[in-house]
Amino acid sequence: MTTETTTQQWVKSSYSDNGGSCVEWAPTTAATTGTVPVRDSKDPGGPALGVPAAAFAAFVAGVKAGDFDTV
């Protein structure tokens, strides 16, 4: 899926550190398309990955629950 990356309002993940490894997402798009665009903040003009809203919500819930902790 190709997603227009310049006209959406992008939000940085609260779980991203300030070391430049940030993930951004466009939350308002999900309400109209059912897809959450996600991109690398270091390349704002680059491609965005379109994730189904339900899958994105499950991923966020897993992050909050610590399901992906490496330690």
PDB file of N, CA and C in Angstrom:
ATOM      1  N   MET A   1       0.840  -1.178   0.000  1.00  0.00           N
ATOM      2  CA  MET A   1       0.000   0.000   0.000  1.00  0.00           C
ATOM      3  C   MET A   1       0.888   1.245   0.000  1.00  0.00           C
ATOM      4  N   THR A   2       0.581   2.177  -0.827  1.00  0.00           N
ATOM      5  CA  THR A   2       1.291   3.451  -0.818  1.00  0.00           C
ATOM      6  C   THR A   2       0.460   4.445  -0.039  1.00  0.00           C
ATOM      7  N   THR A   3       1.100   5.137   0.864  1.00  0.00           N
ATOM      8  CA  THR A   3       0.398   6.105   1.694  1.00  0.00           C
ATOM      9  C   THR A   3       1.042   7.461   1.518  1.00  0.00           C
ATOM     10  N   GLU A   4       0.251   8.490   1.278  1.00  0.00           N
ATOM     11  CA  GLU A   4       0.761   9.849   1.173  1.00  0.00           C
ATOM     12  C   GLU A   4       1.305  10.270   2.521  1.00  0.00           C
ATOM     13  N   THR A   5       2.584  10.635   2.563  1.00  0.00           N
ATOM     14  CA  THR A   5       3.212  10.915   3.851  1.00  0.00           C
ATOM     15  C   THR A   5       3.301  12.395   4.177  1.00  0.00           C
ATOM     16  N   THR A   6       2.906  13.272   3.294  1.00  0.00           N
ATOM     17  CA  THR A   6       3.108  14.696   3.546  1.00  0.00           C
ATOM     18  C   THR A   6       1.876  15.399   4.092  1.00  0.00           C
ATOM     19  N   THR A   7       0.667  14.893   3.865  1.00  0.00           N
ATOM     20  CA  THR A   7      -0.535  15.609   4.262  1.00  0.00           C
ATOM     21  C   THR A   7      -1.136  15.104   5.569  1.00  0.00           C
ATOM     22  N   GLN A   8      -0.588  14.051   6.126  1.00  0.00           N
ATOM     23  CA  GLN A   8      -1.118  13.500   7.362  1.00  0.00           C
ATOM     24  C   GLN A   8      -0.433  14.137   8.566  1.00  0.00           C
ATOM     25  N   GLN A   9      -1.105  14.109   9.689  1.00  0.00           N
ATOM     26  CA  GLN A   9      -0.496  14.579  10.929  1.00  0.00           C
ATOM     27  C   GLN A   9       0.168  13.385  11.596  1.00  0.00           C
ATOM     28  N   TRP A  10       1.483  13.461  11.716  1.00  0.00           N
ATOM     29  CA  TRP A  10       2.275  12.360  12.254  1.00  0.00           C
ATOM     30  C   TRP A  10       2.574  12.581  13.728  1.00  0.00           C
ATOM     31  N   VAL A  11       2.581  11.501  14.501  1.00  0.00           N
ATOM     32  CA  VAL A  11       2.836  11.524  15.933  1.00  0.00           C
ATOM     33  C   VAL A  11       3.983  10.551  16.211  1.00  0.00           C
ATOM     34  N   LYS A  12       4.944  10.992  17.039  1.00  0.00           N
ATOM     35  CA  LYS A  12       6.028  10.094  17.428  1.00  0.00           C
ATOM     36  C   LYS A  12       5.553   9.178  18.539  1.00  0.00           C
ATOM     37  N   SER A  13       5.987   7.948  18.477  1.00  0.00           N
ATOM     38  CA  SER A  13       5.649   6.987  19.513  1.00  0.00           C
ATOM     39  C   SER A  13       6.227   7.429  20.847  1.00  0.00           C
ATOM     40  N   SER A  14       5.442   7.292  21.891  1.00  0.00           N
ATOM     41  CA  SER A  14       5.936   7.626  23.232  1.00  0.00           C
ATOM     42  C   SER A  14       6.966   6.601  23.700  1.00  0.00           C
ATOM     43  N   TYR A  15       7.074   5.478  23.019  1.00  0.00           N
ATOM     44  CA  TYR A  15       8.054   4.457  23.363  1.00  0.00           C
ATOM     45  C   TYR A  15       9.365   4.632  22.609  1.00  0.00           C
ATOM     46  N   SER A  16       9.418   5.587  21.678  1.00  0.00           N
ATOM     47  CA  SER A  16      10.660   5.839  20.951  1.00  0.00           C
ATOM     48  C   SER A  16      11.593   6.644  21.831  1.00  0.00           C
ATOM     49  N   ASP A  17      12.882   6.297  21.780  1.00  0.00           N
ATOM     50  CA  ASP A  17      13.841   7.077  22.560  1.00  0.00           C
ATOM     51  C   ASP A  17      14.290   8.287  21.747  1.00  0.00           C
ATOM     52  N   ASN A  18      15.086   9.134  22.323  1.00  0.00           N
ATOM     53  CA  ASN A  18      15.557  10.329  21.627  1.00  0.00           C
ATOM     54  C   ASN A  18      16.840  10.086  20.858  1.00  0.00           C
ATOM     55  N   GLY A  19      17.212   8.846  20.642  1.00  0.00           N
ATOM     56  CA  GLY A  19      18.439   8.523  19.938  1.00  0.00           C
ATOM     57  C   GLY A  19      18.287   8.500  18.431  1.00  0.00           C
ATOM     58  N   GLY A  20      17.159   8.952  17.916  1.00  0.00           N
ATOM     59  CA  GLY A  20      16.957   8.992  16.478  1.00  0.00           C
ATOM     60  C   GLY A  20      16.252   7.767  15.920  1.00  0.00           C
ATOM     61  N   SER A  21      15.969   6.788  16.755  1.00  0.00           N
ATOM     62  CA  SER A  21      15.285   5.580  16.301  1.00  0.00           C
ATOM     63  C   SER A  21      13.801   5.699  16.606  1.00  0.00           C
ATOM     64  N   CYS A  22      13.153   6.648  15.975  1.00  0.00           N
ATOM     65  CA  CYS A  22      11.756   6.935  16.286  1.00  0.00           C
ATOM     66  C   CYS A  22      10.810   6.371  15.230  1.00  0.00           C
ATOM     67  N   VAL A  23       9.681   5.953  15.712  1.00  0.00           N
ATOM     68  CA  VAL A  23       8.594   5.504  14.856  1.00  0.00           C
ATOM     69  C   VAL A  23       7.503   6.559  14.941  1.00  0.00           C
ATOM     70  N   GLU A  24       6.924   6.899  13.809  1.00  0.00           N
ATOM     71  CA  GLU A  24       5.804   7.836  13.777  1.00  0.00           C
ATOM     72  C   GLU A  24       4.596   7.125  13.184  1.00  0.00           C
ATOM     73  N   TRP A  25       3.438   7.565  13.603  1.00  0.00           N
ATOM     74  CA  TRP A  25       2.203   7.019  13.060  1.00  0.00           C
ATOM     75  C   TRP A  25       1.199   8.136  12.855  1.00  0.00           C
ATOM     76  N   ALA A  26       0.228   7.900  11.980  1.00  0.00           N
ATOM     77  CA  ALA A  26      -0.791   8.908  11.664  1.00  0.00           C
ATOM     78  C   ALA A  26      -2.140   8.389  12.167  1.00  0.00           C
ATOM     79  N   PRO A  27      -2.481   8.697  13.419  1.00  0.00           N
ATOM     80  CA  PRO A  27      -3.670   8.104  14.037  1.00  0.00           C
ATOM     81  C   PRO A  27      -4.999   8.490  13.410  1.00  0.00           C
ATOM     82  N   THR A  28      -5.107   9.687  12.871  1.00  0.00           N
ATOM     83  CA  THR A  28      -6.406  10.111  12.336  1.00  0.00           C
ATOM     84  C   THR A  28      -6.777   9.374  11.055  1.00  0.00           C
ATOM     85  N   THR A  29      -5.823   8.777  10.393  1.00  0.00           N
ATOM     86  CA  THR A  29      -6.101   8.048   9.157  1.00  0.00           C
ATOM     87  C   THR A  29      -6.905   6.780   9.415  1.00  0.00           C
ATOM     88  N   ALA A  30      -6.705   6.149  10.554  1.00  0.00           N
ATOM     89  CA  ALA A  30      -7.375   4.885  10.854  1.00  0.00           C
ATOM     90  C   ALA A  30      -8.899   5.019  10.845  1.00  0.00           C
ATOM     91  N   ALA A  31      -9.398   6.140  11.315  1.00  0.00           N
ATOM     92  CA  ALA A  31     -10.856   6.330  11.386  1.00  0.00           C
ATOM     93  C   ALA A  31     -11.500   6.332  10.008  1.00  0.00           C
ATOM     94  N   THR A  32     -10.800   6.842   9.013  1.00  0.00           N
ATOM     95  CA  THR A  32     -11.396   6.938   7.677  1.00  0.00           C
ATOM     96  C   THR A  32     -11.008   5.791   6.755  1.00  0.00           C
ATOM     97  N   THR A  33      -9.859   5.153   7.001  1.00  0.00           N
ATOM     98  CA  THR A  33      -9.385   4.117   6.082  1.00  0.00           C
ATOM     99  C   THR A  33      -9.292   2.733   6.705  1.00  0.00           C
ATOM    100  N   GLY A  34      -9.284   2.651   8.046  1.00  0.00           N
ATOM    101  CA  GLY A  34      -9.096   1.366   8.706  1.00  0.00           C
ATOM    102  C   GLY A  34      -7.649   0.907   8.704  1.00  0.00           C
ATOM    103  N   THR A  35      -6.769   1.795   8.263  1.00  0.00           N
ATOM    104  CA  THR A  35      -5.342   1.488   8.180  1.00  0.00           C
ATOM    105  C   THR A  35      -4.555   2.558   8.920  1.00  0.00           C
ATOM    106  N   VAL A  36      -3.534   2.130   9.666  1.00  0.00           N
ATOM    107  CA  VAL A  36      -2.673   3.057  10.393  1.00  0.00           C
ATOM    108  C   VAL A  36      -1.335   3.146   9.668  1.00  0.00           C
ATOM    109  N   PRO A  37      -1.001   4.311   9.094  1.00  0.00           N
ATOM    110  CA  PRO A  37       0.300   4.467   8.470  1.00  0.00           C
ATOM    111  C   PRO A  37       1.395   4.597   9.534  1.00  0.00           C
ATOM    112  N   VAL A  38       2.511   3.911   9.324  1.00  0.00           N
ATOM    113  CA  VAL A  38       3.658   3.953  10.222  1.00  0.00           C
ATOM    114  C   VAL A  38       4.886   4.238   9.377  1.00  0.00           C
ATOM    115  N   ARG A  39       5.776   5.110   9.886  1.00  0.00           N
ATOM    116  CA  ARG A  39       6.978   5.438   9.113  1.00  0.00           C
ATOM    117  C   ARG A  39       8.176   5.664  10.034  1.00  0.00           C
ATOM    118  N   ASP A  40       9.334   5.705   9.432  1.00  0.00           N
ATOM    119  CA  ASP A  40      10.591   6.009  10.114  1.00  0.00           C
ATOM    120  C   ASP A  40      10.731   7.526  10.176  1.00  0.00           C
ATOM    121  N   SER A  41      10.892   8.070  11.371  1.00  0.00           N
ATOM    122  CA  SER A  41      10.956   9.526  11.514  1.00  0.00           C
ATOM    123  C   SER A  41      12.199  10.129  10.864  1.00  0.00           C
ATOM    124  N   LYS A  42      13.222   9.322  10.634  1.00  0.00           N
ATOM    125  CA  LYS A  42      14.430   9.833   9.987  1.00  0.00           C
ATOM    126  C   LYS A  42      14.225  10.039   8.492  1.00  0.00           C
ATOM    127  N   ASP A  43      13.152   9.485   7.941  1.00  0.00           N
ATOM    128  CA  ASP A  43      12.879   9.583   6.507  1.00  0.00           C
ATOM    129  C   ASP A  43      11.425   9.982   6.290  1.00  0.00           C
ATOM    130  N   PRO A  44      11.059  11.215   6.695  1.00  0.00           N
ATOM    131  CA  PRO A  44       9.646  11.610   6.633  1.00  0.00           C
ATOM    132  C   PRO A  44       9.059  11.651   5.225  1.00  0.00           C
ATOM    133  N   GLY A  45       9.880  11.785   4.222  1.00  0.00           N
ATOM    134  CA  GLY A  45       9.371  11.775   2.852  1.00  0.00           C
ATOM    135  C   GLY A  45       9.368  10.394   2.244  1.00  0.00           C
ATOM    136  N   GLY A  46       9.855   9.422   3.006  1.00  0.00           N
ATOM    137  CA  GLY A  46       9.948   8.049   2.513  1.00  0.00           C
ATOM    138  C   GLY A  46       8.629   7.317   2.623  1.00  0.00           C
ATOM    139  N   PRO A  47       8.689   6.025   2.396  1.00  0.00           N
ATOM    140  CA  PRO A  47       7.454   5.232   2.404  1.00  0.00           C
ATOM    141  C   PRO A  47       6.887   5.052   3.803  1.00  0.00           C
ATOM    142  N   ALA A  48       5.611   4.780   3.848  1.00  0.00           N
ATOM    143  CA  ALA A  48       4.922   4.452   5.089  1.00  0.00           C
ATOM    144  C   ALA A  48       4.332   3.058   4.938  1.00  0.00           C
ATOM    145  N   LEU A  49       4.371   2.318   6.005  1.00  0.00           N
ATOM    146  CA  LEU A  49       3.787   0.987   6.030  1.00  0.00           C
ATOM    147  C   LEU A  49       2.352   1.110   6.512  1.00  0.00           C
ATOM    148  N   GLY A  50       1.414   0.562   5.765  1.00  0.00           N
ATOM    149  CA  GLY A  50       0.012   0.600   6.162  1.00  0.00           C
ATOM    150  C   GLY A  50      -0.340  -0.645   6.956  1.00  0.00           C
ATOM    151  N   VAL A  51      -0.729  -0.478   8.213  1.00  0.00           N
ATOM    152  CA  VAL A  51      -1.047  -1.598   9.098  1.00  0.00           C
ATOM    153  C   VAL A  51      -2.549  -1.568   9.394  1.00  0.00           C
ATOM    154  N   PRO A  52      -3.240  -2.704   9.254  1.00  0.00           N
ATOM    155  CA  PRO A  52      -4.663  -2.710   9.616  1.00  0.00           C
ATOM    156  C   PRO A  52      -4.842  -2.224  11.057  1.00  0.00           C
ATOM    157  N   ALA A  53      -5.860  -1.406  11.283  1.00  0.00           N
ATOM    158  CA  ALA A  53      -6.067  -0.774  12.587  1.00  0.00           C
ATOM    159  C   ALA A  53      -6.161  -1.795  13.718  1.00  0.00           C
ATOM    160  N   ALA A  54      -6.832  -2.917  13.512  1.00  0.00           N
ATOM    161  CA  ALA A  54      -6.957  -3.927  14.566  1.00  0.00           C
ATOM    162  C   ALA A  54      -5.595  -4.536  14.899  1.00  0.00           C
ATOM    163  N   ALA A  55      -4.773  -4.778  13.904  1.00  0.00           N
ATOM    164  CA  ALA A  55      -3.438  -5.329  14.135  1.00  0.00           C
ATOM    165  C   ALA A  55      -2.562  -4.321  14.866  1.00  0.00           C
ATOM    166  N   PHE A  56      -2.689  -3.042  14.513  1.00  0.00           N
ATOM    167  CA  PHE A  56      -1.908  -2.010  15.186  1.00  0.00           C
ATOM    168  C   PHE A  56      -2.328  -1.898  16.652  1.00  0.00           C
ATOM    169  N   ALA A  57      -3.616  -1.949  16.916  1.00  0.00           N
ATOM    170  CA  ALA A  57      -4.112  -1.880  18.295  1.00  0.00           C
ATOM    171  C   ALA A  57      -3.605  -3.072  19.113  1.00  0.00           C
ATOM    172  N   ALA A  58      -3.587  -4.259  18.513  1.00  0.00           N
ATOM    173  CA  ALA A  58      -3.074  -5.441  19.213  1.00  0.00           C
ATOM    174  C   ALA A  58      -1.583  -5.299  19.488  1.00  0.00           C
ATOM    175  N   PHE A  59      -0.843  -4.738  18.543  1.00  0.00           N
ATOM    176  CA  PHE A  59       0.592  -4.514  18.739  1.00  0.00           C
ATOM    177  C   PHE A  59       0.833  -3.538  19.888  1.00  0.00           C
ATOM    178  N   VAL A  60       0.114  -2.421  19.901  1.00  0.00           N
ATOM    179  CA  VAL A  60       0.277  -1.426  20.969  1.00  0.00           C
ATOM    180  C   VAL A  60      -0.069  -2.045  22.323  1.00  0.00           C
ATOM    181  N   ALA A  61      -1.129  -2.827  22.376  1.00  0.00           N
ATOM    182  CA  ALA A  61      -1.495  -3.489  23.628  1.00  0.00           C
ATOM    183  C   ALA A  61      -0.379  -4.436  24.081  1.00  0.00           C
ATOM    184  N   GLY A  62       0.243  -5.133  23.144  1.00  0.00           N
ATOM    185  CA  GLY A  62       1.352  -6.022  23.478  1.00  0.00           C
ATOM    186  C   GLY A  62       2.563  -5.272  23.992  1.00  0.00           C
ATOM    187  N   VAL A  63       2.848  -4.110  23.393  1.00  0.00           N
ATOM    188  CA  VAL A  63       3.966  -3.287  23.866  1.00  0.00           C
ATOM    189  C   VAL A  63       3.698  -2.827  25.294  1.00  0.00           C
ATOM    190  N   LYS A  64       2.498  -2.338  25.531  1.00  0.00           N
ATOM    191  CA  LYS A  64       2.145  -1.864  26.875  1.00  0.00           C
ATOM    192  C   LYS A  64       2.190  -2.981  27.907  1.00  0.00           C
ATOM    193  N   ALA A  65       1.864  -4.197  27.506  1.00  0.00           N
ATOM    194  CA  ALA A  65       1.858  -5.339  28.408  1.00  0.00           C
ATOM    195  C   ALA A  65       3.254  -5.932  28.628  1.00  0.00           C
ATOM    196  N   GLY A  66       4.225  -5.448  27.839  1.00  0.00           N
ATOM    197  CA  GLY A  66       5.590  -5.958  27.981  1.00  0.00           C
ATOM    198  C   GLY A  66       5.846  -7.242  27.204  1.00  0.00           C
ATOM    199  N   ASP A  67       4.962  -7.588  26.293  1.00  0.00           N
ATOM    200  CA  ASP A  67       5.100  -8.838  25.540  1.00  0.00           C
ATOM    201  C   ASP A  67       6.366  -8.884  24.672  1.00  0.00           C
ATOM    202  N   PHE A  68       6.937  -7.723  24.354  1.00  0.00           N
ATOM    203  CA  PHE A  68       8.089  -7.685  23.469  1.00  0.00           C
ATOM    204  C   PHE A  68       9.378  -7.301  24.193  1.00  0.00           C
ATOM    205  N   ASP A  69       9.336  -7.239  25.510  1.00  0.00           N
ATOM    206  CA  ASP A  69      10.528  -6.895  26.282  1.00  0.00           C
ATOM    207  C   ASP A  69      11.606  -7.948  26.022  1.00  0.00           C
ATOM    208  N   THR A  70      12.834  -7.483  25.893  1.00  0.00           N
ATOM    209  CA  THR A  70      13.932  -8.406  25.591  1.00  0.00           C
ATOM    210  C   THR A  70      14.700  -8.817  26.829  1.00  0.00           C
ATOM    211  N   VAL A  71      14.420  -8.191  27.940  1.00  0.00           N
ATOM    212  CA  VAL A  71      15.146  -8.524  29.181  1.00  0.00           C
ATOM    213  C   VAL A  71      14.219  -9.197  30.158  1.00  0.00           C
TER     214      VAL A  71
END
